[in-house]
Amino acid sequence: MKAVFEFNLPKEQTDFDVVSRAQDWYELIRDFDDWLRNKIHYATTDTVSIDAEGDIGEVSEIEIGTDELAAIRYNLHRNMEDMHLRFK
């Protein structure tokens, strides 16, 4: 079985970019979910430290609660389910 996508470039450049980068987006979301899971699973306290880049590129640490991270992960999974997406 083959699937062929055709685009009228440059008119449909945005659509082409979305389709051609789908694997990159998948890996980004999967890695983000893994990061969230690890921060929640391996936390030794109710908060975890996260490096955050400020407006001018300086990195500082922020504290965030594991409950908040769990809520973010839950919403990520819920939104994926609503769109009929799942990790392999």
C-alpha atoms as a PDB file:
ATOM      1  CA  MET A   1       0.000   0.000   0.000  1.00  0.00           C
ATOM      2  CA  LYS A   2       1.242   3.468  -0.837  1.00  0.00           C
ATOM      3  CA  ALA A   3       0.036   6.900   0.145  1.00  0.00           C
ATOM      4  CA  VAL A   4       0.966   9.926  -1.921  1.00  0.00           C
ATOM      5  CA  PHE A   5       0.428  13.495  -0.818  1.00  0.00           C
ATOM      6  CA  GLU A   6       0.393  16.225  -3.448  1.00  0.00           C
ATOM      7  CA  PHE A   7       0.753  19.917  -2.790  1.00  0.00           C
ATOM      8  CA  ASN A   8       0.581  22.939  -5.044  1.00  0.00           C
ATOM      9  CA  LEU A   9       3.720  24.766  -3.972  1.00  0.00           C
ATOM     10  CA  PRO A  10       4.246  27.514  -3.002  1.00  0.00           C
ATOM     11  CA  LYS A  11       0.508  28.075  -2.442  1.00  0.00           C
ATOM     12  CA  GLU A  12       0.202  25.104  -0.049  1.00  0.00           C
ATOM     13  CA  GLN A  13       3.650  25.465   1.531  1.00  0.00           C
ATOM     14  CA  THR A  14       2.243  25.597   5.075  1.00  0.00           C
ATOM     15  CA  ASP A  15       0.308  22.351   4.594  1.00  0.00           C
ATOM     16  CA  PHE A  16       3.394  20.712   3.078  1.00  0.00           C
ATOM     17  CA  ASP A  17       5.526  21.799   6.032  1.00  0.00           C
ATOM     18  CA  VAL A  18       3.017  20.359   8.517  1.00  0.00           C
ATOM     19  CA  VAL A  19       2.873  16.981   6.764  1.00  0.00           C
ATOM     20  CA  SER A  20       6.601  16.735   6.131  1.00  0.00           C
ATOM     21  CA  ARG A  21       7.451  17.541   9.774  1.00  0.00           C
ATOM     22  CA  ALA A  22       4.812  15.317  11.398  1.00  0.00           C
ATOM     23  CA  GLN A  23       7.419  12.846  12.732  1.00  0.00           C
ATOM     24  CA  ASP A  24       9.348  15.698  14.351  1.00  0.00           C
ATOM     25  CA  TRP A  25       6.165  16.911  16.088  1.00  0.00           C
ATOM     26  CA  TYR A  26       5.367  13.381  17.238  1.00  0.00           C
ATOM     27  CA  GLU A  27       8.827  12.975  18.759  1.00  0.00           C
ATOM     28  CA  LEU A  28       8.636  16.387  20.420  1.00  0.00           C
ATOM     29  CA  ILE A  29       5.336  15.597  22.134  1.00  0.00           C
ATOM     30  CA  ARG A  30       6.475  12.092  23.112  1.00  0.00           C
ATOM     31  CA  ASP A  31       9.690  13.492  24.622  1.00  0.00           C
ATOM     32  CA  PHE A  32       7.707  16.165  26.487  1.00  0.00           C
ATOM     33  CA  ASP A  33       5.369  13.512  27.881  1.00  0.00           C
ATOM     34  CA  ASP A  34       8.370  11.405  28.973  1.00  0.00           C
ATOM     35  CA  TRP A  35       9.933  14.462  30.623  1.00  0.00           C
ATOM     36  CA  LEU A  36       6.699  15.209  32.503  1.00  0.00           C
ATOM     37  CA  ARG A  37       6.348  11.575  33.569  1.00  0.00           C
ATOM     38  CA  ASN A  38       9.928  11.430  34.868  1.00  0.00           C
ATOM     39  CA  LYS A  39       9.596  14.725  36.760  1.00  0.00           C
ATOM     40  CA  ILE A  40       6.416  13.437  38.434  1.00  0.00           C
ATOM     41  CA  HIS A  41       7.538   9.836  38.994  1.00  0.00           C
ATOM     42  CA  TYR A  42      11.005  10.537  40.405  1.00  0.00           C
ATOM     43  CA  ALA A  43      10.123  13.610  42.496  1.00  0.00           C
ATOM     44  CA  THR A  44      11.175  13.261  46.123  1.00  0.00           C
ATOM     45  CA  THR A  45       9.102  16.244  47.283  1.00  0.00           C
ATOM     46  CA  ASP A  46       5.840  17.928  46.306  1.00  0.00           C
ATOM     47  CA  THR A  47       7.748  20.383  44.086  1.00  0.00           C
ATOM     48  CA  VAL A  48      10.449  19.982  41.479  1.00  0.00           C
ATOM     49  CA  SER A  49      13.038  22.403  40.103  1.00  0.00           C
ATOM     50  CA  ILE A  50      12.913  23.203  36.427  1.00  0.00           C
ATOM     51  CA  ASP A  51      15.372  25.277  34.435  1.00  0.00           C
ATOM     52  CA  ALA A  52      13.499  28.146  32.796  1.00  0.00           C
ATOM     53  CA  GLU A  53      14.892  30.556  30.236  1.00  0.00           C
ATOM     54  CA  GLY A  54      13.961  34.157  30.807  1.00  0.00           C
ATOM     55  CA  ASP A  55      13.094  36.831  28.270  1.00  0.00           C
ATOM     56  CA  ILE A  56      16.720  37.779  27.695  1.00  0.00           C
ATOM     57  CA  GLY A  57      18.100  34.256  27.548  1.00  0.00           C
ATOM     58  CA  GLU A  58      19.207  33.893  31.151  1.00  0.00           C
ATOM     59  CA  VAL A  59      18.444  30.542  32.757  1.00  0.00           C
ATOM     60  CA  SER A  60      16.971  30.363  36.225  1.00  0.00           C
ATOM     61  CA  GLU A  61      15.344  27.652  38.277  1.00  0.00           C
ATOM     62  CA  ILE A  62      11.668  27.682  39.104  1.00  0.00           C
ATOM     63  CA  GLU A  63       9.750  25.470  41.482  1.00  0.00           C
ATOM     64  CA  ILE A  64       6.571  23.794  40.286  1.00  0.00           C
ATOM     65  CA  GLY A  65       4.339  21.350  42.069  1.00  0.00           C
ATOM     66  CA  THR A  66       4.087  17.757  40.951  1.00  0.00           C
ATOM     67  CA  ASP A  67       0.290  18.116  41.024  1.00  0.00           C
ATOM     68  CA  GLU A  68       0.558  20.885  38.432  1.00  0.00           C
ATOM     69  CA  LEU A  69       2.846  18.750  36.261  1.00  0.00           C
ATOM     70  CA  ALA A  70       0.390  15.866  36.557  1.00  0.00           C
ATOM     71  CA  ALA A  71      -2.429  18.202  35.467  1.00  0.00           C
ATOM     72  CA  ILE A  72      -0.405  19.309  32.448  1.00  0.00           C
ATOM     73  CA  ARG A  73       0.283  15.694  31.510  1.00  0.00           C
ATOM     74  CA  TYR A  74      -3.362  14.742  31.995  1.00  0.00           C
ATOM     75  CA  ASN A  75      -4.475  17.589  29.728  1.00  0.00           C
ATOM     76  CA  LEU A  76      -1.911  16.621  27.111  1.00  0.00           C
ATOM     77  CA  HIS A  77      -3.284  13.070  27.050  1.00  0.00           C
ATOM     78  CA  ARG A  78      -6.904  14.266  27.078  1.00  0.00           C
ATOM     79  CA  ASN A  79      -6.300  16.584  24.134  1.00  0.00           C
ATOM     80  CA  MET A  80      -4.535  13.811  22.245  1.00  0.00           C
ATOM     81  CA  GLU A  81      -7.468  11.481  22.900  1.00  0.00           C
ATOM     82  CA  ASP A  82      -9.936  14.126  21.699  1.00  0.00           C
ATOM     83  CA  MET A  83      -7.985  14.289  18.440  1.00  0.00           C
ATOM     84  CA  HIS A  84      -7.729  10.472  18.199  1.00  0.00           C
ATOM     85  CA  LEU A  85      -3.947  10.597  18.649  1.00  0.00           C
ATOM     86  CA  ARG A  86      -1.907   8.184  20.720  1.00  0.00           C
ATOM     87  CA  PHE A  87       1.701   7.235  21.293  1.00  0.00           C
ATOM     88  CA  LYS A  88       2.889   4.055  19.622  1.00  0.00           C
END
